[in-house]
Amino acid sequence: MTATKGQRQKAILALVNKGSVHTQQEIAEALARRGIHATQATISRDFQELGLVRSGHGYRSATALVRELVLSIELVTPMAVIKTPPGTANLVARHIDEAGLDGIAGTVAGDDTIIAVLRQRSAGRALKELLASAG
């Protein structure tokens, strides 16, 4: 079967959400069993477009990980200090930047801490909502 890009990506998300696959090769094999044939390069591009990242438990949505990764948020106007587990601050900062919130001028990420520069005080609430609703 020749699946459209949308059908293939929907199938990938279903497999990832079931948690039944842990490598791109397993995804390719599972898709093939469903009659969807895709190269490793195509699957890799799909993963990037879908925002999937590899975690200790296989592939997951980057936005789904954000909720688990944010340990705390402290508002120090005009900034917010966001704590994450070691090595995950860049993933969370990217999520914030890609959300394009009007009240956030930008982020700077270290290993386990992010500084988000707020344009206005009310942006802190929007930032907290974004990080709490990731998923």
C-alpha atoms as a PDB file:
ATOM      1  CA  MET A   1       0.000   0.000   0.000  1.00  0.00           C
ATOM      2  CA  THR A   2       1.242   3.469  -0.797  1.00  0.00           C
ATOM      3  CA  ALA A   3       0.414   5.529   2.250  1.00  0.00           C
ATOM      4  CA  THR A   4       0.274   9.279   2.206  1.00  0.00           C
ATOM      5  CA  LYS A   5       2.634  11.195   4.439  1.00  0.00           C
ATOM      6  CA  GLY A   6      -0.268  11.972   6.778  1.00  0.00           C
ATOM      7  CA  GLN A   7      -1.303   8.312   7.006  1.00  0.00           C
ATOM      8  CA  ARG A   8       2.280   7.229   7.658  1.00  0.00           C
ATOM      9  CA  GLN A   9       2.782   9.852  10.349  1.00  0.00           C
ATOM     10  CA  LYS A  10      -0.541   8.955  11.975  1.00  0.00           C
ATOM     11  CA  ALA A  11       0.580   5.313  12.088  1.00  0.00           C
ATOM     12  CA  ILE A  12       3.944   6.334  13.588  1.00  0.00           C
ATOM     13  CA  LEU A  13       2.209   8.344  16.311  1.00  0.00           C
ATOM     14  CA  ALA A  14      -0.084   5.423  17.094  1.00  0.00           C
ATOM     15  CA  LEU A  15       2.916   3.112  17.495  1.00  0.00           C
ATOM     16  CA  VAL A  16       4.814   5.609  19.642  1.00  0.00           C
ATOM     17  CA  ASN A  17       1.786   6.307  21.831  1.00  0.00           C
ATOM     18  CA  LYS A  18       1.321   2.571  22.436  1.00  0.00           C
ATOM     19  CA  GLY A  19       4.923   2.449  23.627  1.00  0.00           C
ATOM     20  CA  SER A  20       5.478  -0.736  21.664  1.00  0.00           C
ATOM     21  CA  VAL A  21       8.564   0.390  19.730  1.00  0.00           C
ATOM     22  CA  HIS A  22      11.910   1.710  20.888  1.00  0.00           C
ATOM     23  CA  THR A  23      13.986   2.155  17.710  1.00  0.00           C
ATOM     24  CA  GLN A  24      13.411   3.554  14.253  1.00  0.00           C
ATOM     25  CA  GLN A  25      14.068   0.052  12.873  1.00  0.00           C
ATOM     26  CA  GLU A  26      11.217  -1.307  15.018  1.00  0.00           C
ATOM     27  CA  ILE A  27       8.999   1.489  13.674  1.00  0.00           C
ATOM     28  CA  ALA A  28       9.916   0.562  10.085  1.00  0.00           C
ATOM     29  CA  GLU A  29       9.131  -3.103  10.756  1.00  0.00           C
ATOM     30  CA  ALA A  30       5.832  -2.300  12.478  1.00  0.00           C
ATOM     31  CA  LEU A  31       4.827  -0.022   9.597  1.00  0.00           C
ATOM     32  CA  ALA A  32       5.726  -2.753   7.090  1.00  0.00           C
ATOM     33  CA  ARG A  33       3.475  -5.183   8.978  1.00  0.00           C
ATOM     34  CA  ARG A  34       0.707  -2.625   8.456  1.00  0.00           C
ATOM     35  CA  GLY A  35       1.538  -2.498   4.768  1.00  0.00           C
ATOM     36  CA  ILE A  36       3.252   0.893   4.952  1.00  0.00           C
ATOM     37  CA  HIS A  37       6.755   0.822   3.521  1.00  0.00           C
ATOM     38  CA  ALA A  38       9.125   3.670   4.370  1.00  0.00           C
ATOM     39  CA  THR A  39      12.877   4.126   4.281  1.00  0.00           C
ATOM     40  CA  GLN A  40      14.940   4.912   7.371  1.00  0.00           C
ATOM     41  CA  ALA A  41      15.525   8.439   6.026  1.00  0.00           C
ATOM     42  CA  THR A  42      11.782   9.008   5.580  1.00  0.00           C
ATOM     43  CA  ILE A  43      11.055   7.785   9.105  1.00  0.00           C
ATOM     44  CA  SER A  44      13.806   9.999  10.496  1.00  0.00           C
ATOM     45  CA  ARG A  45      12.291  13.049   8.746  1.00  0.00           C
ATOM     46  CA  ASP A  46       8.845  12.082  10.041  1.00  0.00           C
ATOM     47  CA  PHE A  47      10.219  11.880  13.592  1.00  0.00           C
ATOM     48  CA  GLN A  48      11.700  15.358  13.255  1.00  0.00           C
ATOM     49  CA  GLU A  49       8.488  16.823  11.830  1.00  0.00           C
ATOM     50  CA  LEU A  50       6.396  15.139  14.536  1.00  0.00           C
ATOM     51  CA  GLY A  51       8.702  16.387  17.288  1.00  0.00           C
ATOM     52  CA  LEU A  52       9.552  12.895  18.517  1.00  0.00           C
ATOM     53  CA  VAL A  53      12.591  12.375  20.703  1.00  0.00           C
ATOM     54  CA  ARG A  54      14.172   9.282  22.123  1.00  0.00           C
ATOM     55  CA  SER A  55      13.815   8.822  25.863  1.00  0.00           C
ATOM     56  CA  GLY A  56      14.780   6.000  28.163  1.00  0.00           C
ATOM     57  CA  HIS A  57      11.443   4.396  27.375  1.00  0.00           C
ATOM     58  CA  GLY A  58      11.611   4.641  23.590  1.00  0.00           C
ATOM     59  CA  TYR A  59      10.390   7.444  21.362  1.00  0.00           C
ATOM     60  CA  ARG A  60       7.999  10.022  22.757  1.00  0.00           C
ATOM     61  CA  SER A  61       6.551  13.344  21.777  1.00  0.00           C
ATOM     62  CA  ALA A  62       8.865  16.156  22.836  1.00  0.00           C
ATOM     63  CA  THR A  63       5.877  18.111  24.117  1.00  0.00           C
ATOM     64  CA  ALA A  64       4.743  15.130  26.195  1.00  0.00           C
ATOM     65  CA  LEU A  65       8.132  15.088  27.903  1.00  0.00           C
ATOM     66  CA  VAL A  66       8.029  18.770  28.812  1.00  0.00           C
ATOM     67  CA  ARG A  67       5.436  18.347  31.575  1.00  0.00           C
ATOM     68  CA  GLU A  68       7.616  15.706  33.226  1.00  0.00           C
ATOM     69  CA  LEU A  69      10.827  17.678  32.769  1.00  0.00           C
ATOM     70  CA  VAL A  70       9.764  20.964  34.355  1.00  0.00           C
ATOM     71  CA  LEU A  71      10.582  20.637  38.032  1.00  0.00           C
ATOM     72  CA  SER A  72       9.793  24.230  39.015  1.00  0.00           C
ATOM     73  CA  ILE A  73       9.139  27.713  37.683  1.00  0.00           C
ATOM     74  CA  GLU A  74      10.035  30.826  39.660  1.00  0.00           C
ATOM     75  CA  LEU A  75       8.945  34.195  38.313  1.00  0.00           C
ATOM     76  CA  VAL A  76      11.471  36.964  38.901  1.00  0.00           C
ATOM     77  CA  THR A  77      10.027  39.667  36.695  1.00  0.00           C
ATOM     78  CA  PRO A  78      11.101  40.311  33.996  1.00  0.00           C
ATOM     79  CA  MET A  79      12.328  36.718  33.963  1.00  0.00           C
ATOM     80  CA  ALA A  80      11.296  33.184  34.822  1.00  0.00           C
ATOM     81  CA  VAL A  81      13.744  30.613  36.152  1.00  0.00           C
ATOM     82  CA  ILE A  82      12.752  27.088  35.121  1.00  0.00           C
ATOM     83  CA  LYS A  83      14.418  24.024  36.625  1.00  0.00           C
ATOM     84  CA  THR A  84      14.628  20.696  34.779  1.00  0.00           C
ATOM     85  CA  PRO A  85      16.487  17.413  35.290  1.00  0.00           C
ATOM     86  CA  PRO A  86      20.145  17.516  34.155  1.00  0.00           C
ATOM     87  CA  GLY A  87      20.595  17.540  30.386  1.00  0.00           C
ATOM     88  CA  THR A  88      16.983  18.443  29.518  1.00  0.00           C
ATOM     89  CA  ALA A  89      16.855  22.240  29.667  1.00  0.00           C
ATOM     90  CA  ASN A  90      17.475  22.672  25.927  1.00  0.00           C
ATOM     91  CA  LEU A  91      14.493  20.470  25.041  1.00  0.00           C
ATOM     92  CA  VAL A  92      12.162  22.490  27.275  1.00  0.00           C
ATOM     93  CA  ALA A  93      13.603  25.837  26.094  1.00  0.00           C
ATOM     94  CA  ARG A  94      13.055  24.809  22.485  1.00  0.00           C
ATOM     95  CA  HIS A  95       9.426  23.983  23.304  1.00  0.00           C
ATOM     96  CA  ILE A  96       8.972  27.452  24.827  1.00  0.00           C
ATOM     97  CA  ASP A  97      10.655  29.179  21.870  1.00  0.00           C
ATOM     98  CA  GLU A  98       8.640  27.231  19.303  1.00  0.00           C
ATOM     99  CA  ALA A  99       5.380  28.113  21.076  1.00  0.00           C
ATOM    100  CA  GLY A 100       5.997  31.737  20.061  1.00  0.00           C
ATOM    101  CA  LEU A 101       4.277  33.290  23.071  1.00  0.00           C
ATOM    102  CA  ASP A 102       4.033  37.062  22.510  1.00  0.00           C
ATOM    103  CA  GLY A 103       5.066  37.816  26.080  1.00  0.00           C
ATOM    104  CA  ILE A 104       8.301  35.790  25.937  1.00  0.00           C
ATOM    105  CA  ALA A 105      11.267  37.565  24.355  1.00  0.00           C
ATOM    106  CA  GLY A 106      13.429  34.432  24.390  1.00  0.00           C
ATOM    107  CA  THR A 107      15.134  31.770  26.454  1.00  0.00           C
ATOM    108  CA  VAL A 108      18.654  30.848  27.502  1.00  0.00           C
ATOM    109  CA  ALA A 109      19.219  27.231  28.501  1.00  0.00           C
ATOM    110  CA  GLY A 110      21.978  25.616  30.458  1.00  0.00           C
ATOM    111  CA  ASP A 111      22.139  21.993  31.541  1.00  0.00           C
ATOM    112  CA  ASP A 112      19.257  22.003  34.022  1.00  0.00           C
ATOM    113  CA  THR A 113      18.104  25.626  34.174  1.00  0.00           C
ATOM    114  CA  ILE A 114      16.338  27.943  31.737  1.00  0.00           C
ATOM    115  CA  ILE A 115      15.993  31.709  31.936  1.00  0.00           C
ATOM    116  CA  ALA A 116      12.972  32.983  30.013  1.00  0.00           C
ATOM    117  CA  VAL A 117      12.896  36.749  29.465  1.00  0.00           C
ATOM    118  CA  LEU A 118       9.377  38.123  29.892  1.00  0.00           C
ATOM    119  CA  ARG A 119       8.173  41.150  27.942  1.00  0.00           C
ATOM    120  CA  GLN A 120       5.346  41.694  30.392  1.00  0.00           C
ATOM    121  CA  ARG A 121       4.352  40.424  33.824  1.00  0.00           C
ATOM    122  CA  SER A 122       1.312  38.520  32.481  1.00  0.00           C
ATOM    123  CA  ALA A 123       3.596  36.383  30.313  1.00  0.00           C
ATOM    124  CA  GLY A 124       4.506  34.368  33.415  1.00  0.00           C
ATOM    125  CA  ARG A 125       0.988  32.969  33.601  1.00  0.00           C
ATOM    126  CA  ALA A 126       1.006  32.054  29.890  1.00  0.00           C
ATOM    127  CA  LEU A 127       4.390  30.365  30.329  1.00  0.00           C
ATOM    128  CA  LYS A 128       3.157  28.309  33.283  1.00  0.00           C
ATOM    129  CA  GLU A 129       0.049  27.294  31.302  1.00  0.00           C
ATOM    130  CA  LEU A 130       2.170  26.264  28.317  1.00  0.00           C
ATOM    131  CA  LEU A 131       4.424  24.082  30.424  1.00  0.00           C
ATOM    132  CA  ALA A 132       1.589  22.585  32.461  1.00  0.00           C
ATOM    133  CA  SER A 133      -0.471  21.670  29.385  1.00  0.00           C
ATOM    134  CA  ALA A 134       2.337  20.164  27.297  1.00  0.00           C
ATOM    135  CA  GLY A 135       1.296  16.859  25.907  1.00  0.00           C
END
